[in-house]
Amino acid sequence: MPVQLTDLVPDQEPAKLAGGFQFTEGPVWHPDGYLLFSDIPADVIHKYTSDGTVEMYLSPSRNSNGLTLDRSGRLVACEHSGRQVSRQDSSGQMVSVASRWGGQRLNSPNDLVVHSSCSIFFTDPPYGIEPEQAEIGHNGVYRIDADGSVTLLESDFARPNGLAFSPDEAILYIDDSERRNVRAFDVQRDLSINNDRVFTNMDIEERGSPDGMKVDTEGHLYVTGAGGVWVITPDGTHLGTIPFPELPANLTFGGDDYRTLFVTARTGLYSVRVNVTGIKP
């Protein structure tokens, strides 16, 4: 039988873990057993532990958005007001990894994912700047290599946002919040991307646009968008949408078994249990 939504996500109400924030984003699970997430307007990265405690992890965060871990377990962040991708050093400070392309300042890096080669792929829409502050002239997707070089991978996006690799890293999924779709690209051996195609159309009447995205070990996509979290099969079939009390912005897998889906949704932090293990950062 074809896979059903309930095969992946048991029927349940999302659990609210914490609230009272301004705009939550960019969650990432740390293998030491805690969750980090951004509150963009508050200029804070928060730490949530399984006992329900929320404490400040880092402030100022330069209005961080997407967070992930590199292959050494170091925190990597997209910064809106910093207009850069940064990484935490041994002293706990966030140090710039990339802030310019072709000598011009980036717009406001939004979300990111780390390839097994250690290269960092990130999106750069203009959400964190005023129009007159833009220097580059496009809203791109980029790759940062180990030597610090920044390569433009794709500029034909209105508002590039969430991104994720397929389990074998052969495909890079990138969503476009303005066009309300998810596109797929083939990843080449030199880490360039090609064969651009629309993978899933998320343009429906309900409020909300595609934003954060993660993939489980079987290749299913979990994308925040209109109505909640969309669950999409590897062939692009929309199995259904997990509703939330607030419109979700981003999500990540975590917990001891990586079968808890943590979701940042406006002022709150939520979770649901899933049946398939998520891909670790």
C-alpha atoms as a PDB file:
ATOM      1  CA  MET A   1       0.000   0.000   0.000  1.00  0.00           C
ATOM      2  CA  PRO A   2       1.169   3.570  -0.620  1.00  0.00           C
ATOM      3  CA  VAL A   3       2.533   5.310   2.461  1.00  0.00           C
ATOM      4  CA  GLN A   4       0.023   7.382   4.432  1.00  0.00           C
ATOM      5  CA  LEU A   5       0.595  10.408   6.646  1.00  0.00           C
ATOM      6  CA  THR A   6      -0.279   8.356   9.745  1.00  0.00           C
ATOM      7  CA  ASP A   7       2.488   5.892   8.833  1.00  0.00           C
ATOM      8  CA  LEU A   8       4.968   8.701   9.424  1.00  0.00           C
ATOM      9  CA  VAL A   9       3.199  10.922  11.972  1.00  0.00           C
ATOM     10  CA  PRO A  10       0.860   9.274  14.509  1.00  0.00           C
ATOM     11  CA  ASP A  11      -2.410  11.127  15.032  1.00  0.00           C
ATOM     12  CA  GLN A  12      -1.714  13.543  17.898  1.00  0.00           C
ATOM     13  CA  GLU A  13      -1.980  17.131  19.027  1.00  0.00           C
ATOM     14  CA  PRO A  14       1.313  19.049  18.983  1.00  0.00           C
ATOM     15  CA  ALA A  15       2.707  19.519  22.471  1.00  0.00           C
ATOM     16  CA  LYS A  16       3.496  23.103  23.426  1.00  0.00           C
ATOM     17  CA  LEU A  17       6.873  23.156  25.126  1.00  0.00           C
ATOM     18  CA  ALA A  18       7.349  26.887  25.733  1.00  0.00           C
ATOM     19  CA  GLY A  19       5.853  30.241  24.746  1.00  0.00           C
ATOM     20  CA  GLY A  20       6.010  33.990  25.140  1.00  0.00           C
ATOM     21  CA  PHE A  21       8.662  34.613  22.508  1.00  0.00           C
ATOM     22  CA  GLN A  22       8.588  37.251  19.762  1.00  0.00           C
ATOM     23  CA  PHE A  23       9.336  35.189  16.609  1.00  0.00           C
ATOM     24  CA  THR A  24      10.974  31.787  16.959  1.00  0.00           C
ATOM     25  CA  GLU A  25      13.123  30.265  14.220  1.00  0.00           C
ATOM     26  CA  GLY A  26      16.060  28.035  13.346  1.00  0.00           C
ATOM     27  CA  PRO A  27      15.890  25.113  15.824  1.00  0.00           C
ATOM     28  CA  VAL A  28      18.739  22.600  16.011  1.00  0.00           C
ATOM     29  CA  TRP A  29      19.145  19.642  18.355  1.00  0.00           C
ATOM     30  CA  HIS A  30      22.505  19.293  20.074  1.00  0.00           C
ATOM     31  CA  PRO A  31      23.692  15.705  20.691  1.00  0.00           C
ATOM     32  CA  ASP A  32      24.422  16.647  24.311  1.00  0.00           C
ATOM     33  CA  GLY A  33      20.650  16.618  24.794  1.00  0.00           C
ATOM     34  CA  TYR A  34      19.276  20.114  24.314  1.00  0.00           C
ATOM     35  CA  LEU A  35      17.641  22.252  21.658  1.00  0.00           C
ATOM     36  CA  LEU A  36      18.868  25.642  20.487  1.00  0.00           C
ATOM     37  CA  PHE A  37      16.551  28.053  18.671  1.00  0.00           C
ATOM     38  CA  SER A  38      16.507  31.701  17.632  1.00  0.00           C
ATOM     39  CA  ASP A  39      14.147  34.464  18.671  1.00  0.00           C
ATOM     40  CA  ILE A  40      14.949  36.859  15.860  1.00  0.00           C
ATOM     41  CA  PRO A  41      13.498  40.193  17.100  1.00  0.00           C
ATOM     42  CA  ALA A  42      14.673  39.524  20.661  1.00  0.00           C
ATOM     43  CA  ASP A  43      18.248  39.066  19.393  1.00  0.00           C
ATOM     44  CA  VAL A  44      18.629  35.865  21.424  1.00  0.00           C
ATOM     45  CA  ILE A  45      19.454  32.195  20.926  1.00  0.00           C
ATOM     46  CA  HIS A  46      17.586  30.153  23.539  1.00  0.00           C
ATOM     47  CA  LYS A  47      18.404  26.736  24.992  1.00  0.00           C
ATOM     48  CA  TYR A  48      15.595  24.288  25.759  1.00  0.00           C
ATOM     49  CA  THR A  49      16.202  21.154  27.820  1.00  0.00           C
ATOM     50  CA  SER A  50      13.936  18.128  28.164  1.00  0.00           C
ATOM     51  CA  ASP A  51      12.910  19.107  31.694  1.00  0.00           C
ATOM     52  CA  GLY A  52      11.121  22.115  30.187  1.00  0.00           C
ATOM     53  CA  THR A  53      13.746  24.697  31.120  1.00  0.00           C
ATOM     54  CA  VAL A  54      14.369  27.555  28.698  1.00  0.00           C
ATOM     55  CA  GLU A  55      17.387  29.770  29.248  1.00  0.00           C
ATOM     56  CA  MET A  56      19.345  32.290  27.255  1.00  0.00           C
ATOM     57  CA  TYR A  57      22.197  30.639  25.384  1.00  0.00           C
ATOM     58  CA  LEU A  58      23.575  33.637  23.498  1.00  0.00           C
ATOM     59  CA  SER A  59      22.758  37.341  23.312  1.00  0.00           C
ATOM     60  CA  PRO A  60      23.203  39.378  21.262  1.00  0.00           C
ATOM     61  CA  SER A  61      22.827  36.905  18.400  1.00  0.00           C
ATOM     62  CA  ARG A  62      22.876  39.587  15.696  1.00  0.00           C
ATOM     63  CA  ASN A  63      19.269  38.544  15.049  1.00  0.00           C
ATOM     64  CA  SER A  64      20.165  34.988  14.135  1.00  0.00           C
ATOM     65  CA  ASN A  65      17.732  32.955  12.076  1.00  0.00           C
ATOM     66  CA  GLY A  66      18.689  29.456  10.871  1.00  0.00           C
ATOM     67  CA  LEU A  67      20.999  27.390  13.064  1.00  0.00           C
ATOM     68  CA  THR A  68      22.819  24.112  12.479  1.00  0.00           C
ATOM     69  CA  LEU A  69      25.897  22.208  13.618  1.00  0.00           C
ATOM     70  CA  ASP A  70      28.985  21.606  11.530  1.00  0.00           C
ATOM     71  CA  ARG A  71      30.707  18.217  11.285  1.00  0.00           C
ATOM     72  CA  SER A  72      32.709  19.041  14.421  1.00  0.00           C
ATOM     73  CA  GLY A  73      29.569  19.836  16.401  1.00  0.00           C
ATOM     74  CA  ARG A  74      30.096  23.600  16.385  1.00  0.00           C
ATOM     75  CA  LEU A  75      27.100  25.911  16.163  1.00  0.00           C
ATOM     76  CA  VAL A  76      26.734  27.670  12.805  1.00  0.00           C
ATOM     77  CA  ALA A  77      24.245  30.533  12.391  1.00  0.00           C
ATOM     78  CA  CYS A  78      22.677  32.738   9.738  1.00  0.00           C
ATOM     79  CA  GLU A  79      22.605  36.316  11.014  1.00  0.00           C
ATOM     80  CA  HIS A  80      20.149  38.927   9.795  1.00  0.00           C
ATOM     81  CA  SER A  81      21.645  42.105  11.236  1.00  0.00           C
ATOM     82  CA  GLY A  82      25.167  40.668  11.057  1.00  0.00           C
ATOM     83  CA  ARG A  83      24.543  39.908   7.367  1.00  0.00           C
ATOM     84  CA  GLN A  84      26.791  36.887   7.619  1.00  0.00           C
ATOM     85  CA  VAL A  85      27.147  33.204   8.361  1.00  0.00           C
ATOM     86  CA  SER A  86      28.988  32.710  11.631  1.00  0.00           C
ATOM     87  CA  ARG A  87      30.395  29.804  13.617  1.00  0.00           C
ATOM     88  CA  GLN A  88      31.018  29.419  17.339  1.00  0.00           C
ATOM     89  CA  ASP A  89      34.662  29.255  18.375  1.00  0.00           C
ATOM     90  CA  SER A  90      36.182  27.589  21.432  1.00  0.00           C
ATOM     91  CA  SER A  91      35.524  30.697  23.552  1.00  0.00           C
ATOM     92  CA  GLY A  92      31.811  30.647  22.727  1.00  0.00           C
ATOM     93  CA  GLN A  93      31.932  33.645  20.418  1.00  0.00           C
ATOM     94  CA  MET A  94      30.249  33.615  17.007  1.00  0.00           C
ATOM     95  CA  VAL A  95      32.919  34.384  14.413  1.00  0.00           C
ATOM     96  CA  SER A  96      32.229  35.279  10.778  1.00  0.00           C
ATOM     97  CA  VAL A  97      32.617  32.504   8.217  1.00  0.00           C
ATOM     98  CA  ALA A  98      31.294  34.503   5.266  1.00  0.00           C
ATOM     99  CA  SER A  99      29.869  38.008   4.951  1.00  0.00           C
ATOM    100  CA  ARG A 100      30.548  38.937   1.327  1.00  0.00           C
ATOM    101  CA  TRP A 101      30.313  37.604  -2.211  1.00  0.00           C
ATOM    102  CA  GLY A 102      32.307  39.261  -4.976  1.00  0.00           C
ATOM    103  CA  GLY A 103      33.333  42.019  -2.560  1.00  0.00           C
ATOM    104  CA  GLN A 104      29.726  42.956  -1.790  1.00  0.00           C
ATOM    105  CA  ARG A 105      27.877  42.395   1.459  1.00  0.00           C
ATOM    106  CA  LEU A 106      25.410  39.561   1.657  1.00  0.00           C
ATOM    107  CA  ASN A 107      21.735  40.434   2.113  1.00  0.00           C
ATOM    108  CA  SER A 108      20.679  38.638   5.313  1.00  0.00           C
ATOM    109  CA  PRO A 109      21.515  34.922   5.412  1.00  0.00           C
ATOM    110  CA  ASN A 110      18.423  32.950   6.360  1.00  0.00           C
ATOM    111  CA  ASP A 111      18.912  29.188   6.566  1.00  0.00           C
ATOM    112  CA  LEU A 112      21.714  26.695   6.057  1.00  0.00           C
ATOM    113  CA  VAL A 113      22.754  23.057   5.841  1.00  0.00           C
ATOM    114  CA  VAL A 114      26.179  21.425   6.090  1.00  0.00           C
ATOM    115  CA  HIS A 115      27.294  18.882   3.485  1.00  0.00           C
ATOM    116  CA  SER A 116      29.333  15.815   4.488  1.00  0.00           C
ATOM    117  CA  SER A 117      32.328  17.498   2.798  1.00  0.00           C
ATOM    118  CA  CYS A 118      31.988  20.237   5.472  1.00  0.00           C
ATOM    119  CA  SER A 119      30.919  22.837   2.888  1.00  0.00           C
ATOM    120  CA  ILE A 120      28.059  25.043   4.099  1.00  0.00           C
ATOM    121  CA  PHE A 121      25.098  25.757   1.793  1.00  0.00           C
ATOM    122  CA  PHE A 122      22.931  28.770   2.674  1.00  0.00           C
ATOM    123  CA  THR A 123      20.145  30.993   1.377  1.00  0.00           C
ATOM    124  CA  ASP A 124      20.332  34.787   1.304  1.00  0.00           C
ATOM    125  CA  PRO A 125      16.978  36.580   0.930  1.00  0.00           C
ATOM    126  CA  PRO A 126      16.586  40.255   1.937  1.00  0.00           C
ATOM    127  CA  TYR A 127      14.252  39.835   4.930  1.00  0.00           C
ATOM    128  CA  GLY A 128      16.688  41.379   7.419  1.00  0.00           C
ATOM    129  CA  ILE A 129      17.593  44.538   5.473  1.00  0.00           C
ATOM    130  CA  GLU A 130      15.947  47.572   3.922  1.00  0.00           C
ATOM    131  CA  PRO A 131      15.828  47.680   0.102  1.00  0.00           C
ATOM    132  CA  GLU A 132      18.401  50.467  -0.076  1.00  0.00           C
ATOM    133  CA  GLN A 133      20.892  48.339   1.892  1.00  0.00           C
ATOM    134  CA  ALA A 134      21.073  45.596  -0.744  1.00  0.00           C
ATOM    135  CA  GLU A 135      24.405  45.473  -2.571  1.00  0.00           C
ATOM    136  CA  ILE A 136      24.366  42.224  -4.553  1.00  0.00           C
ATOM    137  CA  GLY A 137      21.232  42.693  -6.642  1.00  0.00           C
ATOM    138  CA  HIS A 138      19.853  39.167  -6.352  1.00  0.00           C
ATOM    139  CA  ASN A 139      18.591  36.750  -3.696  1.00  0.00           C
ATOM    140  CA  GLY A 140      20.892  33.795  -3.999  1.00  0.00           C
ATOM    141  CA  VAL A 141      21.874  30.381  -2.775  1.00  0.00           C
ATOM    142  CA  TYR A 142      25.563  29.975  -1.920  1.00  0.00           C
ATOM    143  CA  ARG A 143      28.206  27.468  -0.848  1.00  0.00           C
ATOM    144  CA  ILE A 144      31.041  28.184   1.586  1.00  0.00           C
ATOM    145  CA  ASP A 145      33.983  25.822   1.182  1.00  0.00           C
ATOM    146  CA  ALA A 146      36.658  24.905   3.731  1.00  0.00           C
ATOM    147  CA  ASP A 147      39.032  27.532   2.362  1.00  0.00           C
ATOM    148  CA  GLY A 148      36.451  30.264   3.042  1.00  0.00           C
ATOM    149  CA  SER A 149      35.560  30.845  -0.597  1.00  0.00           C
ATOM    150  CA  VAL A 150      31.917  31.707  -1.326  1.00  0.00           C
ATOM    151  CA  THR A 151      30.348  30.383  -4.527  1.00  0.00           C
ATOM    152  CA  LEU A 152      27.019  31.526  -5.940  1.00  0.00           C
ATOM    153  CA  LEU A 153      25.035  28.409  -6.832  1.00  0.00           C
ATOM    154  CA  GLU A 154      21.725  29.908  -7.990  1.00  0.00           C
ATOM    155  CA  SER A 155      20.340  33.450  -8.286  1.00  0.00           C
ATOM    156  CA  ASP A 156      16.930  32.730  -9.836  1.00  0.00           C
ATOM    157  CA  PHE A 157      14.929  32.875  -6.610  1.00  0.00           C
ATOM    158  CA  ALA A 158      12.476  35.491  -5.415  1.00  0.00           C
ATOM    159  CA  ARG A 159      12.885  34.637  -1.706  1.00  0.00           C
ATOM    160  CA  PRO A 160      15.061  31.534  -1.157  1.00  0.00           C
ATOM    161  CA  ASN A 161      14.525  30.178   2.323  1.00  0.00           C
ATOM    162  CA  GLY A 162      14.719  26.635   3.728  1.00  0.00           C
ATOM    163  CA  LEU A 163      16.992  23.987   2.271  1.00  0.00           C
ATOM    164  CA  ALA A 164      17.886  20.354   2.878  1.00  0.00           C
ATOM    165  CA  PHE A 165      19.733  17.461   1.276  1.00  0.00           C
ATOM    166  CA  SER A 166      18.229  14.115   0.375  1.00  0.00           C
ATOM    167  CA  PRO A 167      19.648  11.282   2.544  1.00  0.00           C
ATOM    168  CA  ASP A 168      22.330  10.459  -0.052  1.00  0.00           C
ATOM    169  CA  GLU A 169      23.062  14.172  -0.687  1.00  0.00           C
ATOM    170  CA  ALA A 170      22.344  13.657  -4.395  1.00  0.00           C
ATOM    171  CA  ILE A 171      19.527  16.225  -4.326  1.00  0.00           C
ATOM    172  CA  LEU A 172      19.369  19.679  -2.748  1.00  0.00           C
ATOM    173  CA  TYR A 173      15.855  20.916  -1.979  1.00  0.00           C
ATOM    174  CA  ILE A 174      15.336  24.677  -1.695  1.00  0.00           C
ATOM    175  CA  ASP A 175      12.044  26.436  -1.120  1.00  0.00           C
ATOM    176  CA  ASP A 176      11.021  29.860  -2.375  1.00  0.00           C
ATOM    177  CA  SER A 177       8.729  31.670   0.050  1.00  0.00           C
ATOM    178  CA  GLU A 178       7.459  34.188  -2.500  1.00  0.00           C
ATOM    179  CA  ARG A 179       6.774  31.704  -5.283  1.00  0.00           C
ATOM    180  CA  ARG A 180       5.465  29.216  -2.691  1.00  0.00           C
ATOM    181  CA  ASN A 181       7.169  26.130  -4.028  1.00  0.00           C
ATOM    182  CA  VAL A 182       9.995  23.714  -3.329  1.00  0.00           C
ATOM    183  CA  ARG A 183      12.599  23.218  -6.043  1.00  0.00           C
ATOM    184  CA  ALA A 184      15.020  20.320  -6.431  1.00  0.00           C
ATOM    185  CA  PHE A 185      18.546  20.384  -7.842  1.00  0.00           C
ATOM    186  CA  ASP A 186      20.987  17.589  -8.583  1.00  0.00           C
ATOM    187  CA  VAL A 187      24.240  17.937  -6.624  1.00  0.00           C
ATOM    188  CA  GLN A 188      27.339  17.329  -8.740  1.00  0.00           C
ATOM    189  CA  ARG A 189      30.669  15.866  -7.599  1.00  0.00           C
ATOM    190  CA  ASP A 190      32.176  19.369  -7.495  1.00  0.00           C
ATOM    191  CA  LEU A 191      29.197  20.463  -5.301  1.00  0.00           C
ATOM    192  CA  SER A 192      27.684  22.612  -8.025  1.00  0.00           C
ATOM    193  CA  ILE A 193      23.950  22.131  -8.623  1.00  0.00           C
ATOM    194  CA  ASN A 194      21.925  21.683 -11.830  1.00  0.00           C
ATOM    195  CA  ASN A 195      18.748  20.167 -13.284  1.00  0.00           C
ATOM    196  CA  ASP A 196      16.495  22.719 -11.591  1.00  0.00           C
ATOM    197  CA  ARG A 197      12.853  21.609 -11.326  1.00  0.00           C
ATOM    198  CA  VAL A 198       9.793  22.394  -9.226  1.00  0.00           C
ATOM    199  CA  PHE A 199       9.467  19.531  -6.767  1.00  0.00           C
ATOM    200  CA  THR A 200       6.299  20.568  -4.926  1.00  0.00           C
ATOM    201  CA  ASN A 201       3.852  23.417  -5.404  1.00  0.00           C
ATOM    202  CA  MET A 202       2.737  24.836  -2.023  1.00  0.00           C
ATOM    203  CA  ASP A 203       0.669  27.713  -3.393  1.00  0.00           C
ATOM    204  CA  ILE A 204      -2.743  27.222  -1.782  1.00  0.00           C
ATOM    205  CA  GLU A 205      -5.333  29.648  -0.428  1.00  0.00           C
ATOM    206  CA  GLU A 206      -4.390  29.236   3.232  1.00  0.00           C
ATOM    207  CA  ARG A 207      -2.043  31.708   4.893  1.00  0.00           C
ATOM    208  CA  GLY A 208       1.619  30.801   5.080  1.00  0.00           C
ATOM    209  CA  SER A 209       4.543  30.176   2.746  1.00  0.00           C
ATOM    210  CA  PRO A 210       7.252  27.505   2.660  1.00  0.00           C
ATOM    211  CA  ASP A 211      10.001  28.247   5.143  1.00  0.00           C
ATOM    212  CA  GLY A 212      12.015  25.706   7.138  1.00  0.00           C
ATOM    213  CA  MET A 213      12.659  22.220   5.796  1.00  0.00           C
ATOM    214  CA  LYS A 214      14.102  18.922   7.061  1.00  0.00           C
ATOM    215  CA  VAL A 215      14.350  15.377   5.666  1.00  0.00           C
ATOM    216  CA  ASP A 216      14.041  12.015   7.407  1.00  0.00           C
ATOM    217  CA  THR A 217      16.222   8.972   6.763  1.00  0.00           C
ATOM    218  CA  GLU A 218      13.699   7.591   4.249  1.00  0.00           C
ATOM    219  CA  GLY A 219      13.759  10.810   2.220  1.00  0.00           C
ATOM    220  CA  HIS A 220      10.429  12.344   3.260  1.00  0.00           C
ATOM    221  CA  LEU A 221      10.415  16.166   3.422  1.00  0.00           C
ATOM    222  CA  TYR A 222       8.871  18.062   6.313  1.00  0.00           C
ATOM    223  CA  VAL A 223       8.289  21.665   5.234  1.00  0.00           C
ATOM    224  CA  THR A 224       6.641  24.476   7.192  1.00  0.00           C
ATOM    225  CA  GLY A 225       4.038  26.256   5.078  1.00  0.00           C
ATOM    226  CA  ALA A 226       0.380  27.112   4.645  1.00  0.00           C
ATOM    227  CA  GLY A 227      -1.681  25.292   7.252  1.00  0.00           C
ATOM    228  CA  GLY A 228       1.187  23.795   9.226  1.00  0.00           C
ATOM    229  CA  VAL A 229       3.960  21.305   8.467  1.00  0.00           C
ATOM    230  CA  TRP A 230       3.662  19.623   5.057  1.00  0.00           C
ATOM    231  CA  VAL A 231       4.861  16.024   4.768  1.00  0.00           C
ATOM    232  CA  ILE A 232       6.043  15.165   1.254  1.00  0.00           C
ATOM    233  CA  THR A 233       7.284  11.882  -0.179  1.00  0.00           C
ATOM    234  CA  PRO A 234      10.554  11.564  -2.131  1.00  0.00           C
ATOM    235  CA  ASP A 235       8.538  11.604  -5.379  1.00  0.00           C
ATOM    236  CA  GLY A 236       6.902  14.932  -4.475  1.00  0.00           C
ATOM    237  CA  THR A 237       3.523  13.652  -3.252  1.00  0.00           C
ATOM    238  CA  HIS A 238       1.955  15.761  -0.502  1.00  0.00           C
ATOM    239  CA  LEU A 239       0.766  13.218   2.060  1.00  0.00           C
ATOM    240  CA  GLY A 240      -0.893  15.779   4.299  1.00  0.00           C
ATOM    241  CA  THR A 241      -0.274  18.673   6.670  1.00  0.00           C
ATOM    242  CA  ILE A 242       0.269  18.599  10.435  1.00  0.00           C
ATOM    243  CA  PRO A 243      -1.724  21.534  11.890  1.00  0.00           C
ATOM    244  CA  PHE A 244      -0.326  23.732  14.668  1.00  0.00           C
ATOM    245  CA  PRO A 245      -1.931  26.334  16.934  1.00  0.00           C
ATOM    246  CA  GLU A 246       0.442  28.913  15.466  1.00  0.00           C
ATOM    247  CA  LEU A 247       1.847  29.121  11.945  1.00  0.00           C
ATOM    248  CA  PRO A 248       5.170  27.227  11.942  1.00  0.00           C
ATOM    249  CA  ALA A 249       8.364  28.839  10.697  1.00  0.00           C
ATOM    250  CA  ASN A 250      11.007  26.140  11.070  1.00  0.00           C
ATOM    251  CA  LEU A 251      11.657  22.674  12.445  1.00  0.00           C
ATOM    252  CA  THR A 252      14.259  20.048  13.285  1.00  0.00           C
ATOM    253  CA  PHE A 253      14.514  16.442  14.386  1.00  0.00           C
ATOM    254  CA  GLY A 254      15.867  15.716  17.838  1.00  0.00           C
ATOM    255  CA  GLY A 255      15.558  13.831  21.066  1.00  0.00           C
ATOM    256  CA  ASP A 256      17.524  10.699  21.966  1.00  0.00           C
ATOM    257  CA  ASP A 257      16.162   8.823  18.939  1.00  0.00           C
ATOM    258  CA  TYR A 258      15.759  11.780  16.545  1.00  0.00           C
ATOM    259  CA  ARG A 259      12.069  10.956  16.282  1.00  0.00           C
ATOM    260  CA  THR A 260      10.827  14.135  17.915  1.00  0.00           C
ATOM    261  CA  LEU A 261      10.030  16.930  15.494  1.00  0.00           C
ATOM    262  CA  PHE A 262      10.639  20.275  17.222  1.00  0.00           C
ATOM    263  CA  VAL A 263       8.765  23.136  15.577  1.00  0.00           C
ATOM    264  CA  THR A 264       9.253  26.868  16.073  1.00  0.00           C
ATOM    265  CA  ALA A 265       5.925  28.618  15.479  1.00  0.00           C
ATOM    266  CA  ARG A 266       5.781  32.377  15.953  1.00  0.00           C
ATOM    267  CA  THR A 267       5.653  32.880  19.750  1.00  0.00           C
ATOM    268  CA  GLY A 268       5.900  29.217  20.723  1.00  0.00           C
ATOM    269  CA  LEU A 269       7.984  26.064  20.629  1.00  0.00           C
ATOM    270  CA  TYR A 270       6.144  22.798  19.898  1.00  0.00           C
ATOM    271  CA  SER A 271       6.875  19.128  19.294  1.00  0.00           C
ATOM    272  CA  VAL A 272       5.293  16.068  17.700  1.00  0.00           C
ATOM    273  CA  ARG A 273       6.494  12.479  17.621  1.00  0.00           C
ATOM    274  CA  VAL A 274       7.226  10.798  14.293  1.00  0.00           C
ATOM    275  CA  ASN A 275       7.843   7.177  13.289  1.00  0.00           C
ATOM    276  CA  VAL A 276      10.878   7.633  11.051  1.00  0.00           C
ATOM    277  CA  THR A 277      14.237   8.870  12.312  1.00  0.00           C
ATOM    278  CA  GLY A 278      15.292  12.292  11.119  1.00  0.00           C
ATOM    279  CA  ILE A 279      18.618  13.089   9.507  1.00  0.00           C
ATOM    280  CA  LYS A 280      21.047  14.578  11.986  1.00  0.00           C
ATOM    281  CA  PRO A 281      22.743  17.904  11.158  1.00  0.00           C
END
